[in-house]
């Protein structure tokens, strides 16, 4: 059995957030990453959560290029339409409010910050 928290039944909610044992760490229209793999650690207990594949230099350059292109498209979208998109992002976050709240509560016990819905 893996020692990563994401693989332990007690932390099944991490899987609900889409985490796997190894996760791509770059998004530029699609998830990827060609760099080294690093382990992330829980700040509350210093246990390994999961691994993340970082960006290579080529990934970074491509991501910056695509971000600049996306900004041009975003800037041309009328403000009401951009507002609707942001509202939809909020709706998607609210669908995960319980599991995100669980994450905040777990860290609050150790680090004393935040509440569900903040």
C-alpha atoms as a PDB file:
ATOM      1  CA  UNK A   1       0.000   0.000   0.000  1.00  0.00           C
ATOM      2  CA  UNK A   2       1.202   3.488  -0.853  1.00  0.00           C
ATOM      3  CA  UNK A   3       2.290   5.815   1.933  1.00  0.00           C
ATOM      4  CA  UNK A   4       0.811   8.808   0.086  1.00  0.00           C
ATOM      5  CA  UNK A   5      -2.208  10.356   1.806  1.00  0.00           C
ATOM      6  CA  UNK A   6      -4.116  10.411  -1.488  1.00  0.00           C
ATOM      7  CA  UNK A   7      -4.099   6.583  -1.460  1.00  0.00           C
ATOM      8  CA  UNK A   8      -5.294   6.154   2.105  1.00  0.00           C
ATOM      9  CA  UNK A   9      -9.023   5.519   2.692  1.00  0.00           C
ATOM     10  CA  UNK A  10      -9.096   8.148   5.446  1.00  0.00           C
ATOM     11  CA  UNK A  11      -8.181  10.781   2.844  1.00  0.00           C
ATOM     12  CA  UNK A  12     -10.583   9.621   0.101  1.00  0.00           C
ATOM     13  CA  UNK A  13     -11.817  13.210  -0.173  1.00  0.00           C
ATOM     14  CA  UNK A  14      -8.503  14.067  -1.898  1.00  0.00           C
ATOM     15  CA  UNK A  15      -9.576  11.787  -4.745  1.00  0.00           C
ATOM     16  CA  UNK A  16     -12.911  13.642  -4.853  1.00  0.00           C
ATOM     17  CA  UNK A  17     -10.879  16.747  -5.673  1.00  0.00           C
ATOM     18  CA  UNK A  18      -9.274  14.876  -8.576  1.00  0.00           C
ATOM     19  CA  UNK A  19      -5.890  14.147  -7.011  1.00  0.00           C
ATOM     20  CA  UNK A  20      -4.026  10.989  -7.951  1.00  0.00           C
ATOM     21  CA  UNK A  21      -0.736   9.496  -6.761  1.00  0.00           C
ATOM     22  CA  UNK A  22       1.054  11.403  -9.554  1.00  0.00           C
ATOM     23  CA  UNK A  23      -0.488  14.611 -10.902  1.00  0.00           C
ATOM     24  CA  UNK A  24       0.382  16.803 -13.859  1.00  0.00           C
ATOM     25  CA  UNK A  25       1.582  20.202 -12.674  1.00  0.00           C
ATOM     26  CA  UNK A  26       1.149  22.303 -15.811  1.00  0.00           C
ATOM     27  CA  UNK A  27      -2.022  23.492 -17.524  1.00  0.00           C
ATOM     28  CA  UNK A  28      -1.878  25.259 -20.875  1.00  0.00           C
ATOM     29  CA  UNK A  29      -5.134  24.118 -22.404  1.00  0.00           C
ATOM     30  CA  UNK A  30      -4.380  20.561 -21.347  1.00  0.00           C
ATOM     31  CA  UNK A  31      -2.756  19.026 -18.272  1.00  0.00           C
ATOM     32  CA  UNK A  32       0.828  17.844 -18.558  1.00  0.00           C
ATOM     33  CA  UNK A  33       4.383  18.417 -17.492  1.00  0.00           C
ATOM     34  CA  UNK A  34       7.687  17.047 -18.652  1.00  0.00           C
ATOM     35  CA  UNK A  35       9.830  18.069 -15.701  1.00  0.00           C
ATOM     36  CA  UNK A  36      10.891  16.260 -12.583  1.00  0.00           C
ATOM     37  CA  UNK A  37       8.441  14.689 -10.154  1.00  0.00           C
ATOM     38  CA  UNK A  38       8.280  16.201  -6.665  1.00  0.00           C
ATOM     39  CA  UNK A  39       6.366  15.082  -3.603  1.00  0.00           C
ATOM     40  CA  UNK A  40       3.953  17.456  -1.886  1.00  0.00           C
ATOM     41  CA  UNK A  41       3.585  17.369   1.895  1.00  0.00           C
ATOM     42  CA  UNK A  42       0.688  18.152   4.192  1.00  0.00           C
ATOM     43  CA  UNK A  43       1.535  21.256   6.258  1.00  0.00           C
ATOM     44  CA  UNK A  44      -0.555  19.938   9.148  1.00  0.00           C
ATOM     45  CA  UNK A  45       1.304  16.646   9.668  1.00  0.00           C
ATOM     46  CA  UNK A  46       4.230  16.691   7.201  1.00  0.00           C
ATOM     47  CA  UNK A  47       3.039  13.446   5.579  1.00  0.00           C
ATOM     48  CA  UNK A  48       3.397  13.026   1.787  1.00  0.00           C
ATOM     49  CA  UNK A  49       0.150  13.839  -0.023  1.00  0.00           C
ATOM     50  CA  UNK A  50       0.917  13.047  -3.664  1.00  0.00           C
ATOM     51  CA  UNK A  51       3.481  13.655  -6.394  1.00  0.00           C
ATOM     52  CA  UNK A  52       3.405  16.424  -8.984  1.00  0.00           C
ATOM     53  CA  UNK A  53       5.202  16.411 -12.319  1.00  0.00           C
ATOM     54  CA  UNK A  54       6.658  19.877 -12.745  1.00  0.00           C
ATOM     55  CA  UNK A  55       7.039  21.856 -15.950  1.00  0.00           C
ATOM     56  CA  UNK A  56      10.070  21.531 -18.154  1.00  0.00           C
ATOM     57  CA  UNK A  57      11.512  24.708 -19.659  1.00  0.00           C
ATOM     58  CA  UNK A  58       9.639  23.916 -22.876  1.00  0.00           C
ATOM     59  CA  UNK A  59       6.386  23.436 -20.928  1.00  0.00           C
ATOM     60  CA  UNK A  60       6.905  26.785 -19.213  1.00  0.00           C
ATOM     61  CA  UNK A  61       7.579  28.641 -22.466  1.00  0.00           C
ATOM     62  CA  UNK A  62       4.553  27.057 -24.169  1.00  0.00           C
ATOM     63  CA  UNK A  63       2.336  27.861 -21.174  1.00  0.00           C
ATOM     64  CA  UNK A  64       3.383  31.525 -21.153  1.00  0.00           C
ATOM     65  CA  UNK A  65       2.777  31.747 -24.915  1.00  0.00           C
ATOM     66  CA  UNK A  66      -0.691  30.209 -24.598  1.00  0.00           C
ATOM     67  CA  UNK A  67      -1.550  32.413 -21.604  1.00  0.00           C
ATOM     68  CA  UNK A  68      -0.731  35.519 -23.638  1.00  0.00           C
ATOM     69  CA  UNK A  69      -2.899  34.248 -26.503  1.00  0.00           C
ATOM     70  CA  UNK A  70      -5.744  33.440 -24.101  1.00  0.00           C
ATOM     71  CA  UNK A  71      -5.553  36.918 -22.565  1.00  0.00           C
ATOM     72  CA  UNK A  72      -6.167  38.485 -25.989  1.00  0.00           C
ATOM     73  CA  UNK A  73      -9.268  36.324 -26.450  1.00  0.00           C
ATOM     74  CA  UNK A  74     -10.495  37.005 -22.871  1.00  0.00           C
ATOM     75  CA  UNK A  75     -10.037  40.767 -23.279  1.00  0.00           C
ATOM     76  CA  UNK A  76     -12.269  40.727 -26.379  1.00  0.00           C
ATOM     77  CA  UNK A  77     -15.140  38.983 -24.585  1.00  0.00           C
ATOM     78  CA  UNK A  78     -17.796  41.487 -23.446  1.00  0.00           C
ATOM     79  CA  UNK A  79     -17.825  42.105 -19.683  1.00  0.00           C
ATOM     80  CA  UNK A  80     -21.290  40.546 -19.128  1.00  0.00           C
ATOM     81  CA  UNK A  81     -20.141  37.310 -20.788  1.00  0.00           C
ATOM     82  CA  UNK A  82     -16.925  37.281 -18.717  1.00  0.00           C
ATOM     83  CA  UNK A  83     -19.078  37.786 -15.628  1.00  0.00           C
ATOM     84  CA  UNK A  84     -21.184  34.775 -16.602  1.00  0.00           C
ATOM     85  CA  UNK A  85     -18.048  32.659 -16.970  1.00  0.00           C
ATOM     86  CA  UNK A  86     -16.818  33.755 -13.536  1.00  0.00           C
ATOM     87  CA  UNK A  87     -20.264  32.913 -12.097  1.00  0.00           C
ATOM     88  CA  UNK A  88     -19.990  29.414 -13.577  1.00  0.00           C
ATOM     89  CA  UNK A  89     -16.577  29.006 -11.932  1.00  0.00           C
ATOM     90  CA  UNK A  90     -18.191  29.967  -8.619  1.00  0.00           C
ATOM     91  CA  UNK A  91     -20.946  27.402  -9.219  1.00  0.00           C
ATOM     92  CA  UNK A  92     -18.334  24.692  -9.829  1.00  0.00           C
ATOM     93  CA  UNK A  93     -16.560  25.612  -6.583  1.00  0.00           C
ATOM     94  CA  UNK A  94     -19.843  25.520  -4.665  1.00  0.00           C
ATOM     95  CA  UNK A  95     -20.452  21.980  -5.938  1.00  0.00           C
ATOM     96  CA  UNK A  96     -17.279  20.974  -4.065  1.00  0.00           C
ATOM     97  CA  UNK A  97     -17.905  23.170  -0.992  1.00  0.00           C
ATOM     98  CA  UNK A  98     -18.228  20.259   1.436  1.00  0.00           C
ATOM     99  CA  UNK A  99     -15.014  18.548   0.410  1.00  0.00           C
ATOM    100  CA  UNK A 100     -13.164  21.890   0.214  1.00  0.00           C
ATOM    101  CA  UNK A 101     -14.558  22.775   3.637  1.00  0.00           C
ATOM    102  CA  UNK A 102     -13.257  19.449   4.921  1.00  0.00           C
ATOM    103  CA  UNK A 103      -9.816  20.375   3.655  1.00  0.00           C
ATOM    104  CA  UNK A 104      -9.929  23.760   5.399  1.00  0.00           C
ATOM    105  CA  UNK A 105     -11.221  22.248   8.660  1.00  0.00           C
ATOM    106  CA  UNK A 106      -8.435  19.651   8.715  1.00  0.00           C
ATOM    107  CA  UNK A 107      -5.789  22.325   8.289  1.00  0.00           C
ATOM    108  CA  UNK A 108      -7.524  24.647  10.731  1.00  0.00           C
ATOM    109  CA  UNK A 109      -7.123  22.056  13.475  1.00  0.00           C
ATOM    110  CA  UNK A 110      -3.373  22.206  12.979  1.00  0.00           C
ATOM    111  CA  UNK A 111      -2.822  25.723  11.640  1.00  0.00           C
ATOM    112  CA  UNK A 112      -5.848  27.658  12.994  1.00  0.00           C
ATOM    113  CA  UNK A 113      -7.208  29.372   9.882  1.00  0.00           C
ATOM    114  CA  UNK A 114     -10.326  29.519   7.691  1.00  0.00           C
ATOM    115  CA  UNK A 115     -13.873  28.235   7.721  1.00  0.00           C
ATOM    116  CA  UNK A 116     -15.995  26.356   5.191  1.00  0.00           C
ATOM    117  CA  UNK A 117     -17.149  28.703   2.470  1.00  0.00           C
ATOM    118  CA  UNK A 118     -14.398  31.286   2.910  1.00  0.00           C
END
